[in-house]
Amino acid sequence: MTSGRTYRRGMTQRSPSATLSFPASTSPVPRFVRALARRWPALLGLAFAAFNLVTDDPNSITAVLLVLVLATTAYVVIAALVRPRWSWPVLGVLVVVVVTARLLSSGPVVELAAMTAVAVGAITVGAVRGTFSRPGPWRWQPFAAVGFMALGLGALWLSPEGGRVLIAVGLIGHAVWDVAHWRRHAVVSRSLAEWCAALDLTLGVGVLVLALA
């Protein structure tokens, strides 16, 4: 009887380990795919930057300037709304505004004016609501918006080569701004900050290399 109980007790003690004895998958492919899936914002930003570089006109600053202005406007609008979860919808609405302005005009003036007006409106709303009195990155949003917008629009007064260099510097600077928000989980959604960082850095470096080549 004792040996029977000992045998059954031994089987009971070994049964949990037996259920865990199946070897886990060690294939690196699923882990690699999962890692790529988690970095979808960066991959999307890289793809968008590559598209811009391939289709970009080296004698014009319009396309790269609109990227900088759009990113700057998106940040200050999201900050004024105090709705990080609305980051992608806000970006989508701004893209629609740019496309609509392009369809209604024959040049970039209307597009840039529309983004500038939206940015100024967002700064005003944020100031009235007291949004920019919050600590951390919130209080720097209007200053960053004015700085990046001034840098981008200032490129219009330079030659195409000089303007592209200035915008490239602005894009790289905005990539640093994106990373700071990504690390802090602040103001905008983390996925948008990651997307914007990949886009700004890749496009900025690419434009700078092409301009100085």
Protein backbone atom coordinates (compact mmCIF):
# COMPACT_ATOMS: atom_id res chain seq x y z
CA MET A 1 0.00 0.00 0.00
CA THR A 2 2.81 2.34 0.87
CA SER A 3 4.53 1.72 -2.42
CA GLY A 4 1.23 2.37 -4.29
CA ARG A 5 0.74 5.70 -2.54
CA THR A 6 4.35 6.64 -3.18
CA TYR A 7 3.97 5.77 -6.86
CA ARG A 8 0.77 7.81 -7.20
CA ARG A 9 2.29 10.73 -5.29
CA GLY A 10 5.32 10.63 -7.54
CA MET A 11 3.10 10.66 -10.62
CA THR A 12 1.17 13.64 -9.21
CA GLN A 13 4.37 15.56 -8.53
CA ARG A 14 5.76 14.83 -11.97
CA SER A 15 2.62 15.60 -13.92
CA PRO A 16 2.95 19.42 -13.87
CA SER A 17 6.48 19.26 -15.18
CA ALA A 18 5.37 16.82 -17.82
CA THR A 19 2.92 19.37 -19.18
CA LEU A 20 5.76 21.90 -19.51
CA SER A 21 8.20 19.57 -21.14
CA PHE A 22 7.33 20.51 -24.72
CA PRO A 23 10.18 22.50 -26.25
CA ALA A 24 9.41 26.15 -27.03
CA SER A 25 9.86 27.40 -30.55
CA THR A 26 13.36 28.71 -31.05
CA SER A 27 12.94 29.83 -34.64
CA PRO A 28 14.22 33.41 -35.04
CA VAL A 29 11.77 34.16 -37.85
CA PRO A 30 8.62 34.65 -35.71
CA ARG A 31 10.55 36.82 -33.24
CA PHE A 32 11.90 38.91 -36.13
CA VAL A 33 8.43 39.30 -37.62
CA ARG A 34 6.98 40.29 -34.25
CA ALA A 35 9.77 42.82 -33.75
CA LEU A 36 9.04 44.34 -37.16
CA ALA A 37 5.32 44.42 -36.42
CA ARG A 38 5.97 46.37 -33.23
CA ARG A 39 7.96 48.93 -35.21
CA TRP A 40 5.24 49.59 -37.78
CA PRO A 41 5.23 53.37 -37.17
CA ALA A 42 8.96 53.60 -37.92
CA LEU A 43 8.59 51.40 -41.01
CA LEU A 44 5.72 53.55 -42.22
CA GLY A 45 7.78 56.68 -41.66
CA LEU A 46 10.73 55.22 -43.56
CA ALA A 47 8.46 54.27 -46.46
CA PHE A 48 6.95 57.75 -46.60
CA ALA A 49 10.40 59.34 -46.47
CA ALA A 50 11.65 57.09 -49.27
CA PHE A 51 8.62 58.01 -51.39
CA ASN A 52 9.30 61.70 -50.83
CA LEU A 53 12.96 61.35 -51.75
CA VAL A 54 12.20 59.37 -54.92
CA THR A 55 9.52 61.81 -56.12
CA ASP A 56 11.22 64.98 -54.86
CA ASP A 57 12.22 67.76 -57.23
CA PRO A 58 15.78 68.85 -56.35
CA ASN A 59 15.04 72.30 -57.74
CA SER A 60 12.08 72.89 -55.44
CA ILE A 61 11.59 73.07 -51.69
CA THR A 62 7.80 72.72 -51.68
CA ALA A 63 7.46 68.99 -50.89
CA VAL A 64 10.01 68.82 -48.08
CA LEU A 65 8.81 72.14 -46.66
CA LEU A 66 5.25 70.84 -46.43
CA VAL A 67 6.45 67.81 -44.47
CA LEU A 68 8.12 70.04 -41.87
CA VAL A 69 5.17 72.43 -41.69
CA LEU A 70 2.66 69.56 -41.44
CA ALA A 71 4.57 67.86 -38.63
CA THR A 72 4.92 71.13 -36.73
CA THR A 73 1.25 71.98 -37.10
CA ALA A 74 0.14 68.50 -36.03
CA TYR A 75 2.09 68.72 -32.79
CA VAL A 76 0.75 72.08 -31.72
CA VAL A 77 -2.85 71.19 -32.64
CA ILE A 78 -2.72 67.93 -30.65
CA ALA A 79 -1.14 69.81 -27.75
CA ALA A 80 -3.85 72.50 -27.82
CA LEU A 81 -6.57 69.84 -27.79
CA VAL A 82 -4.84 67.92 -24.96
CA ARG A 83 -5.87 64.71 -26.70
CA PRO A 84 -2.86 62.47 -27.47
CA ARG A 85 -5.28 59.73 -28.52
CA TRP A 86 -6.44 61.98 -31.34
CA SER A 87 -2.93 62.18 -32.83
CA TRP A 88 -3.59 60.13 -35.97
CA PRO A 89 -7.06 61.60 -36.66
CA VAL A 90 -5.62 65.10 -36.33
CA LEU A 91 -2.84 64.24 -38.76
CA GLY A 92 -5.40 62.80 -41.17
CA VAL A 93 -7.50 65.97 -41.04
CA LEU A 94 -4.44 68.13 -41.69
CA VAL A 95 -3.49 65.99 -44.67
CA VAL A 96 -7.00 66.48 -46.05
CA VAL A 97 -6.62 70.24 -45.57
CA VAL A 98 -3.32 70.22 -47.49
CA VAL A 99 -4.74 68.10 -50.32
CA THR A 100 -7.84 70.30 -50.55
CA ALA A 101 -5.73 73.45 -50.63
CA ARG A 102 -3.59 71.91 -53.36
CA LEU A 103 -6.62 71.06 -55.45
CA LEU A 104 -7.98 74.60 -55.08
CA SER A 105 -4.72 76.37 -55.96
CA SER A 106 -1.95 76.27 -58.52
CA GLY A 107 0.92 76.72 -56.06
CA PRO A 108 2.09 76.00 -52.54
CA VAL A 109 1.13 79.41 -51.17
CA VAL A 110 -2.41 78.40 -50.19
CA GLU A 111 -1.21 75.14 -48.60
CA LEU A 112 1.43 76.88 -46.51
CA ALA A 113 -0.99 79.67 -45.58
CA ALA A 114 -3.57 77.12 -44.47
CA MET A 115 -1.10 75.27 -42.24
CA THR A 116 0.22 78.53 -40.82
CA ALA A 117 -3.31 79.67 -40.01
CA VAL A 118 -4.11 76.37 -38.30
CA ALA A 119 -0.89 76.53 -36.26
CA VAL A 120 -1.58 80.12 -35.17
CA GLY A 121 -5.13 79.17 -34.26
CA ALA A 122 -3.92 76.20 -32.20
CA ILE A 123 -1.40 78.35 -30.35
CA THR A 124 -4.14 80.87 -29.56
CA VAL A 125 -6.56 78.19 -28.34
CA GLY A 126 -3.88 76.52 -26.22
CA ALA A 127 -2.87 79.83 -24.66
CA VAL A 128 -6.48 80.73 -23.81
CA ARG A 129 -7.16 77.32 -22.29
CA GLY A 130 -3.94 77.42 -20.29
CA THR A 131 -2.68 74.26 -21.93
CA PHE A 132 0.82 75.59 -22.39
CA SER A 133 1.19 76.38 -18.71
CA ARG A 134 1.51 72.67 -17.96
CA PRO A 135 4.96 71.44 -16.94
CA GLY A 136 7.26 69.51 -19.21
CA PRO A 137 6.97 69.44 -23.00
CA TRP A 138 3.57 71.13 -22.98
CA ARG A 139 4.95 74.58 -22.19
CA TRP A 140 7.45 74.37 -25.05
CA GLN A 141 4.88 73.60 -27.76
CA PRO A 142 4.14 77.18 -28.92
CA PHE A 143 7.83 78.11 -28.96
CA ALA A 144 8.74 74.99 -30.93
CA ALA A 145 5.87 75.60 -33.36
CA VAL A 146 6.95 79.19 -34.00
CA GLY A 147 10.59 78.18 -34.32
CA PHE A 148 10.06 75.34 -36.78
CA MET A 149 7.51 77.30 -38.81
CA ALA A 150 9.81 80.33 -39.00
CA LEU A 151 12.72 78.13 -40.04
CA GLY A 152 10.69 76.40 -42.71
CA LEU A 153 9.06 79.52 -44.13
CA GLY A 154 12.40 81.35 -43.96
CA ALA A 155 13.71 78.85 -46.50
CA LEU A 156 11.43 80.48 -49.08
CA TRP A 157 13.71 83.53 -49.07
CA LEU A 158 16.80 81.51 -49.98
CA SER A 159 17.94 79.85 -53.15
CA PRO A 160 16.54 76.34 -53.72
CA GLU A 161 19.86 74.81 -52.63
CA GLY A 162 20.15 76.95 -49.50
CA GLY A 163 16.47 76.50 -48.70
CA ARG A 164 16.71 72.73 -48.94
CA VAL A 165 19.68 72.69 -46.59
CA LEU A 166 17.80 74.84 -44.07
CA ILE A 167 14.70 72.62 -44.27
CA ALA A 168 16.85 69.51 -43.90
CA VAL A 169 18.32 70.94 -40.70
CA GLY A 170 14.79 71.69 -39.52
CA LEU A 171 13.64 68.14 -40.24
CA ILE A 172 16.59 66.65 -38.35
CA GLY A 173 15.88 69.01 -35.45
CA HIS A 174 12.24 67.98 -35.48
CA ALA A 175 13.33 64.32 -35.37
CA VAL A 176 15.10 65.10 -32.09
CA TRP A 177 11.87 66.75 -30.91
CA ASP A 178 9.97 63.58 -31.88
CA VAL A 179 12.34 61.33 -29.94
CA ALA A 180 11.99 63.51 -26.84
CA HIS A 181 8.21 63.09 -26.96
CA TRP A 182 8.51 59.37 -27.68
CA ARG A 183 10.67 58.88 -24.61
CA ARG A 184 8.37 60.92 -22.38
CA HIS A 185 5.07 59.49 -23.71
CA ALA A 186 3.91 63.09 -23.79
CA VAL A 187 1.68 65.40 -25.87
CA VAL A 188 1.27 63.11 -28.91
CA SER A 189 0.76 59.37 -29.14
CA ARG A 190 3.95 57.32 -29.01
CA SER A 191 3.21 55.72 -32.38
CA LEU A 192 2.89 59.12 -34.07
CA ALA A 193 6.12 60.33 -32.47
CA GLU A 194 7.91 57.20 -33.72
CA TRP A 195 6.48 57.59 -37.22
CA CYS A 196 7.40 61.26 -37.35
CA ALA A 197 10.93 60.64 -36.04
CA ALA A 198 11.66 58.04 -38.73
CA LEU A 199 10.18 60.26 -41.42
CA ASP A 200 11.90 63.48 -40.34
CA LEU A 201 15.33 61.97 -39.78
CA THR A 202 15.40 59.92 -42.98
CA LEU A 203 14.02 62.70 -45.14
CA GLY A 204 16.21 65.35 -43.52
CA VAL A 205 19.42 63.37 -43.93
CA GLY A 206 18.48 62.39 -47.48
CA VAL A 207 17.72 65.97 -48.52
CA LEU A 208 20.90 67.22 -46.87
CA VAL A 209 23.07 64.63 -48.62
CA LEU A 210 21.48 65.38 -52.01
CA ALA A 211 21.80 69.15 -51.49
CA LEU A 212 25.51 68.94 -50.57
CA ALA A 213 26.44 66.30 -53.13
